[in-house]
C-alpha atoms as a PDB file:
ATOM      1  CA  UNK A   1      26.955  56.040 108.475  1.00  0.00           C
ATOM      2  CA  UNK A   2      27.138  57.831 111.804  1.00  0.00           C
ATOM      3  CA  UNK A   3      29.475  56.889 114.586  1.00  0.00           C
ATOM      4  CA  UNK A   4      27.661  56.019 117.819  1.00  0.00           C
ATOM      5  CA  UNK A   5      30.099  58.078 119.900  1.00  0.00           C
ATOM      6  CA  UNK A   6      29.297  61.198 117.907  1.00  0.00           C
ATOM      7  CA  UNK A   7      25.554  60.984 118.444  1.00  0.00           C
ATOM      8  CA  UNK A   8      23.692  62.401 121.392  1.00  0.00           C
ATOM      9  CA  UNK A   9      20.805  60.393 122.796  1.00  0.00           C
ATOM     10  CA  UNK A  10      18.512  63.340 122.453  1.00  0.00           C
ATOM     11  CA  UNK A  11      19.528  64.211 118.928  1.00  0.00           C
ATOM     12  CA  UNK A  12      22.338  66.153 117.382  1.00  0.00           C
ATOM     13  CA  UNK A  13      26.023  65.447 117.235  1.00  0.00           C
ATOM     14  CA  UNK A  14      28.469  65.533 120.128  1.00  0.00           C
ATOM     15  CA  UNK A  15      29.968  68.819 118.933  1.00  0.00           C
ATOM     16  CA  UNK A  16      26.630  70.587 119.434  1.00  0.00           C
ATOM     17  CA  UNK A  17      26.541  69.630 123.143  1.00  0.00           C
ATOM     18  CA  UNK A  18      29.655  71.596 124.050  1.00  0.00           C
ATOM     19  CA  UNK A  19      29.961  75.362 123.832  1.00  0.00           C
ATOM     20  CA  UNK A  20      32.187  76.750 121.089  1.00  0.00           C
ATOM     21  CA  UNK A  21      34.848  77.826 123.621  1.00  0.00           C
ATOM     22  CA  UNK A  22      35.706  74.217 124.426  1.00  0.00           C
ATOM     23  CA  UNK A  23      36.240  73.219 120.783  1.00  0.00           C
ATOM     24  CA  UNK A  24      39.415  75.222 120.219  1.00  0.00           C
ATOM     25  CA  UNK A  25      42.242  75.781 122.704  1.00  0.00           C
ATOM     26  CA  UNK A  26      42.992  79.183 121.150  1.00  0.00           C
ATOM     27  CA  UNK A  27      39.458  80.530 121.326  1.00  0.00           C
ATOM     28  CA  UNK A  28      39.469  84.213 122.396  1.00  0.00           C
ATOM     29  CA  UNK A  29      37.453  83.200 125.463  1.00  0.00           C
ATOM     30  CA  UNK A  30      40.251  80.889 126.688  1.00  0.00           C
ATOM     31  CA  UNK A  31      42.824  83.613 126.099  1.00  0.00           C
ATOM     32  CA  UNK A  32      40.785  86.167 128.065  1.00  0.00           C
ATOM     33  CA  UNK A  33      40.159  83.717 130.929  1.00  0.00           C
ATOM     34  CA  UNK A  34      43.873  82.858 131.076  1.00  0.00           C
ATOM     35  CA  UNK A  35      44.905  86.524 131.115  1.00  0.00           C
ATOM     36  CA  UNK A  36      42.314  87.262 133.829  1.00  0.00           C
ATOM     37  CA  UNK A  37      43.626  84.298 135.783  1.00  0.00           C
ATOM     38  CA  UNK A  38      47.135  85.799 135.661  1.00  0.00           C
ATOM     39  CA  UNK A  39      45.769  89.196 136.732  1.00  0.00           C
ATOM     40  CA  UNK A  40      43.748  87.810 139.661  1.00  0.00           C
ATOM     41  CA  UNK A  41      46.331  85.339 140.960  1.00  0.00           C
ATOM     42  CA  UNK A  42      49.239  84.004 138.886  1.00  0.00           C
ATOM     43  CA  UNK A  43      48.841  80.287 139.837  1.00  0.00           C
ATOM     44  CA  UNK A  44      45.327  80.335 138.361  1.00  0.00           C
ATOM     45  CA  UNK A  45      46.608  81.773 135.098  1.00  0.00           C
ATOM     46  CA  UNK A  46      49.464  79.273 135.068  1.00  0.00           C
ATOM     47  CA  UNK A  47      47.070  76.378 135.678  1.00  0.00           C
ATOM     48  CA  UNK A  48      44.823  77.544 132.837  1.00  0.00           C
ATOM     49  CA  UNK A  49      47.810  77.923 130.540  1.00  0.00           C
ATOM     50  CA  UNK A  50      49.057  74.401 131.323  1.00  0.00           C
ATOM     51  CA  UNK A  51      45.535  73.039 130.876  1.00  0.00           C
ATOM     52  CA  UNK A  52      45.291  74.718 127.468  1.00  0.00           C
ATOM     53  CA  UNK A  53      48.704  73.483 126.344  1.00  0.00           C
ATOM     54  CA  UNK A  54      48.193  69.988 127.745  1.00  0.00           C
ATOM     55  CA  UNK A  55      44.729  69.418 126.351  1.00  0.00           C
ATOM     56  CA  UNK A  56      44.484  66.873 123.589  1.00  0.00           C
ATOM     57  CA  UNK A  57      42.822  69.469 121.398  1.00  0.00           C
ATOM     58  CA  UNK A  58      46.202  70.941 120.544  1.00  0.00           C
ATOM     59  CA  UNK A  59      47.470  70.208 117.027  1.00  0.00           C
ATOM     60  CA  UNK A  60      50.511  68.304 118.276  1.00  0.00           C
ATOM     61  CA  UNK A  61      48.359  65.499 119.732  1.00  0.00           C
ATOM     62  CA  UNK A  62      46.689  64.669 116.429  1.00  0.00           C
ATOM     63  CA  UNK A  63      47.120  60.964 115.613  1.00  0.00           C
ATOM     64  CA  UNK A  64      46.564  61.670 111.905  1.00  0.00           C
ATOM     65  CA  UNK A  65      49.600  63.944 111.995  1.00  0.00           C
ATOM     66  CA  UNK A  66      51.856  61.015 112.987  1.00  0.00           C
ATOM     67  CA  UNK A  67      50.356  58.867 110.258  1.00  0.00           C
ATOM     68  CA  UNK A  68      50.856  61.686 107.735  1.00  0.00           C
ATOM     69  CA  UNK A  69      54.511  62.022 108.770  1.00  0.00           C
ATOM     70  CA  UNK A  70      55.057  58.281 108.366  1.00  0.00           C
ATOM     71  CA  UNK A  71      53.525  58.342 104.885  1.00  0.00           C
ATOM     72  CA  UNK A  72      55.730  61.294 103.881  1.00  0.00           C
ATOM     73  CA  UNK A  73      58.815  59.486 105.178  1.00  0.00           C
ATOM     74  CA  UNK A  74      57.899  56.346 103.246  1.00  0.00           C
ATOM     75  CA  UNK A  75      57.400  58.410 100.070  1.00  0.00           C
ATOM     76  CA  UNK A  76      60.825  59.984 100.526  1.00  0.00           C
ATOM     77  CA  UNK A  77      62.387  56.566 101.048  1.00  0.00           C
ATOM     78  CA  UNK A  78      60.755  55.264  97.866  1.00  0.00           C
ATOM     79  CA  UNK A  79      62.051  58.250  95.867  1.00  0.00           C
ATOM     80  CA  UNK A  80      65.549  57.758  97.273  1.00  0.00           C
ATOM     81  CA  UNK A  81      65.423  54.034  96.491  1.00  0.00           C
ATOM     82  CA  UNK A  82      64.371  54.836  92.906  1.00  0.00           C
ATOM     83  CA  UNK A  83      67.217  57.340  92.523  1.00  0.00           C
ATOM     84  CA  UNK A  84      69.721  54.804  93.849  1.00  0.00           C
ATOM     85  CA  UNK A  85      68.500  52.179  91.397  1.00  0.00           C
ATOM     86  CA  UNK A  86      68.734  54.582  88.436  1.00  0.00           C
ATOM     87  CA  UNK A  87      72.126  56.105  89.172  1.00  0.00           C
ATOM     88  CA  UNK A  88      74.144  53.432  90.911  1.00  0.00           C
ATOM     89  CA  UNK A  89      73.454  54.077  94.605  1.00  0.00           C
ATOM     90  CA  UNK A  90      73.388  57.841  94.139  1.00  0.00           C
ATOM     91  CA  UNK A  91      77.179  58.146  93.868  1.00  0.00           C
ATOM     92  CA  UNK A  92      77.418  58.887  90.176  1.00  0.00           C
ATOM     93  CA  UNK A  93      75.593  60.885  87.566  1.00  0.00           C
ATOM     94  CA  UNK A  94      72.501  59.281  86.101  1.00  0.00           C
ATOM     95  CA  UNK A  95      72.996  57.219  82.982  1.00  0.00           C
ATOM     96  CA  UNK A  96      72.113  58.864  79.675  1.00  0.00           C
ATOM     97  CA  UNK A  97      71.409  55.508  78.082  1.00  0.00           C
ATOM     98  CA  UNK A  98      74.386  55.813  75.705  1.00  0.00           C
ATOM     99  CA  UNK A  99      77.306  53.821  77.093  1.00  0.00           C
ATOM    100  CA  UNK A 100      79.943  55.506  74.899  1.00  0.00           C
ATOM    101  CA  UNK A 101      78.845  58.960  76.008  1.00  0.00           C
ATOM    102  CA  UNK A 102      78.773  57.876  79.663  1.00  0.00           C
ATOM    103  CA  UNK A 103      82.359  56.563  79.388  1.00  0.00           C
ATOM    104  CA  UNK A 104      83.500  59.784  77.679  1.00  0.00           C
ATOM    105  CA  UNK A 105      81.802  61.901  80.353  1.00  0.00           C
ATOM    106  CA  UNK A 106      83.395  59.868  83.167  1.00  0.00           C
ATOM    107  CA  UNK A 107      86.856  60.147  81.561  1.00  0.00           C
ATOM    108  CA  UNK A 108      86.441  63.896  81.056  1.00  0.00           C
ATOM    109  CA  UNK A 109      85.274  64.428  84.634  1.00  0.00           C
ATOM    110  CA  UNK A 110      88.186  62.342  85.944  1.00  0.00           C
ATOM    111  CA  UNK A 111      90.651  64.400  83.859  1.00  0.00           C
ATOM    112  CA  UNK A 112      89.128  67.670  85.071  1.00  0.00           C
ATOM    113  CA  UNK A 113      89.358  66.502  88.694  1.00  0.00           C
ATOM    114  CA  UNK A 114      93.047  65.633  88.191  1.00  0.00           C
ATOM    115  CA  UNK A 115      93.714  69.042  86.623  1.00  0.00           C
ATOM    116  CA  UNK A 116      91.920  70.721  89.506  1.00  0.00           C
ATOM    117  CA  UNK A 117      94.064  68.836  92.025  1.00  0.00           C
ATOM    118  CA  UNK A 118      97.249  69.748  90.140  1.00  0.00           C
ATOM    119  CA  UNK A 119      96.197  73.405  89.983  1.00  0.00           C
ATOM    120  CA  UNK A 120      95.460  73.477  93.719  1.00  0.00           C
ATOM    121  CA  UNK A 121      98.911  71.979  94.389  1.00  0.00           C
ATOM    122  CA  UNK A 122     100.502  74.598  92.118  1.00  0.00           C
ATOM    123  CA  UNK A 123      98.692  77.413  93.958  1.00  0.00           C
ATOM    124  CA  UNK A 124      99.814  75.986  97.300  1.00  0.00           C
ATOM    125  CA  UNK A 125     103.459  75.869  96.140  1.00  0.00           C
ATOM    126  CA  UNK A 126     103.131  79.421  94.777  1.00  0.00           C
ATOM    127  CA  UNK A 127     101.727  80.679  98.089  1.00  0.00           C
ATOM    128  CA  UNK A 128     104.474  78.902 100.002  1.00  0.00           C
ATOM    129  CA  UNK A 129     107.197  80.437  97.778  1.00  0.00           C
ATOM    130  CA  UNK A 130     105.646  83.898  98.166  1.00  0.00           C
ATOM    131  CA  UNK A 131     105.448  83.493 101.945  1.00  0.00           C
ATOM    132  CA  UNK A 132     109.076  82.327 102.071  1.00  0.00           C
ATOM    133  CA  UNK A 133     110.214  85.316  99.977  1.00  0.00           C
ATOM    134  CA  UNK A 134     108.299  87.740 102.226  1.00  0.00           C
ATOM    135  CA  UNK A 135     109.750  86.107 105.331  1.00  0.00           C
ATOM    136  CA  UNK A 136     113.304  86.238 103.948  1.00  0.00           C
ATOM    137  CA  UNK A 137     112.819  89.914 103.082  1.00  0.00           C
ATOM    138  CA  UNK A 138     111.485  90.629 106.590  1.00  0.00           C
ATOM    139  CA  UNK A 139     114.406  88.825 108.208  1.00  0.00           C
ATOM    140  CA  UNK A 140     116.903  90.705 106.008  1.00  0.00           C
ATOM    141  CA  UNK A 141     115.394  94.040 107.051  1.00  0.00           C
ATOM    142  CA  UNK A 142     115.226  93.238 110.758  1.00  0.00           C
ATOM    143  CA  UNK A 143     118.416  91.247 111.187  1.00  0.00           C
ATOM    144  CA  UNK A 144     120.510  92.779 113.970  1.00  0.00           C
ATOM    145  CA  UNK A 145     123.246  94.812 112.336  1.00  0.00           C
ATOM    146  CA  UNK A 146     126.693  95.012 113.914  1.00  0.00           C
ATOM    147  CA  UNK A 147     127.329  98.362 115.604  1.00  0.00           C
ATOM    148  CA  UNK A 148     130.272 100.130 113.999  1.00  0.00           C
ATOM    149  CA  UNK A 149     132.770 100.897 116.713  1.00  0.00           C
ATOM    150  CA  UNK A 150     135.436 103.559 116.366  1.00  0.00           C
ATOM    151  CA  UNK A 151     138.367 101.654 117.791  1.00  0.00           C
ATOM    152  CA  UNK A 152     137.549  98.204 116.419  1.00  0.00           C
ATOM    153  CA  UNK A 153     137.250  96.652 119.869  1.00  0.00           C
ATOM    154  CA  UNK A 154     134.147  94.624 120.687  1.00  0.00           C
ATOM    155  CA  UNK A 155     132.091  96.190 123.435  1.00  0.00           C
ATOM    156  CA  UNK A 156     131.366  94.194 126.545  1.00  0.00           C
END
């Protein structure tokens, strides 16, 4: 069924009434006219450029694009909701279906995390001890030494 707005009274569709240059904002004709407008007098070229960018024929004005974005966002939300339902709000690994294995896996992961924390603490203490030893060695080398005097009297 044809839309009444798309039909011309004298036959043909609405797209046939307009020349091809007006269908697309990036038609080579528009680009040439805009460049010539800049060459002749820059405000003309600027006006043509703003007209081209502001026309509703640009892809950013497409109402279907907004609807498509909303559908994509809703799909993503549904997938996230499904993941949260399967794995306990997305904070844990998904269930394997075997409760004993899940408990073993959680205990093993907890133990490994504790060992990792202990190892990081050990490395931090090791670095601190190494830094302290290097600092003590530096201070021992650069400590002001008493000047040996010949007569034993302190110099003023």
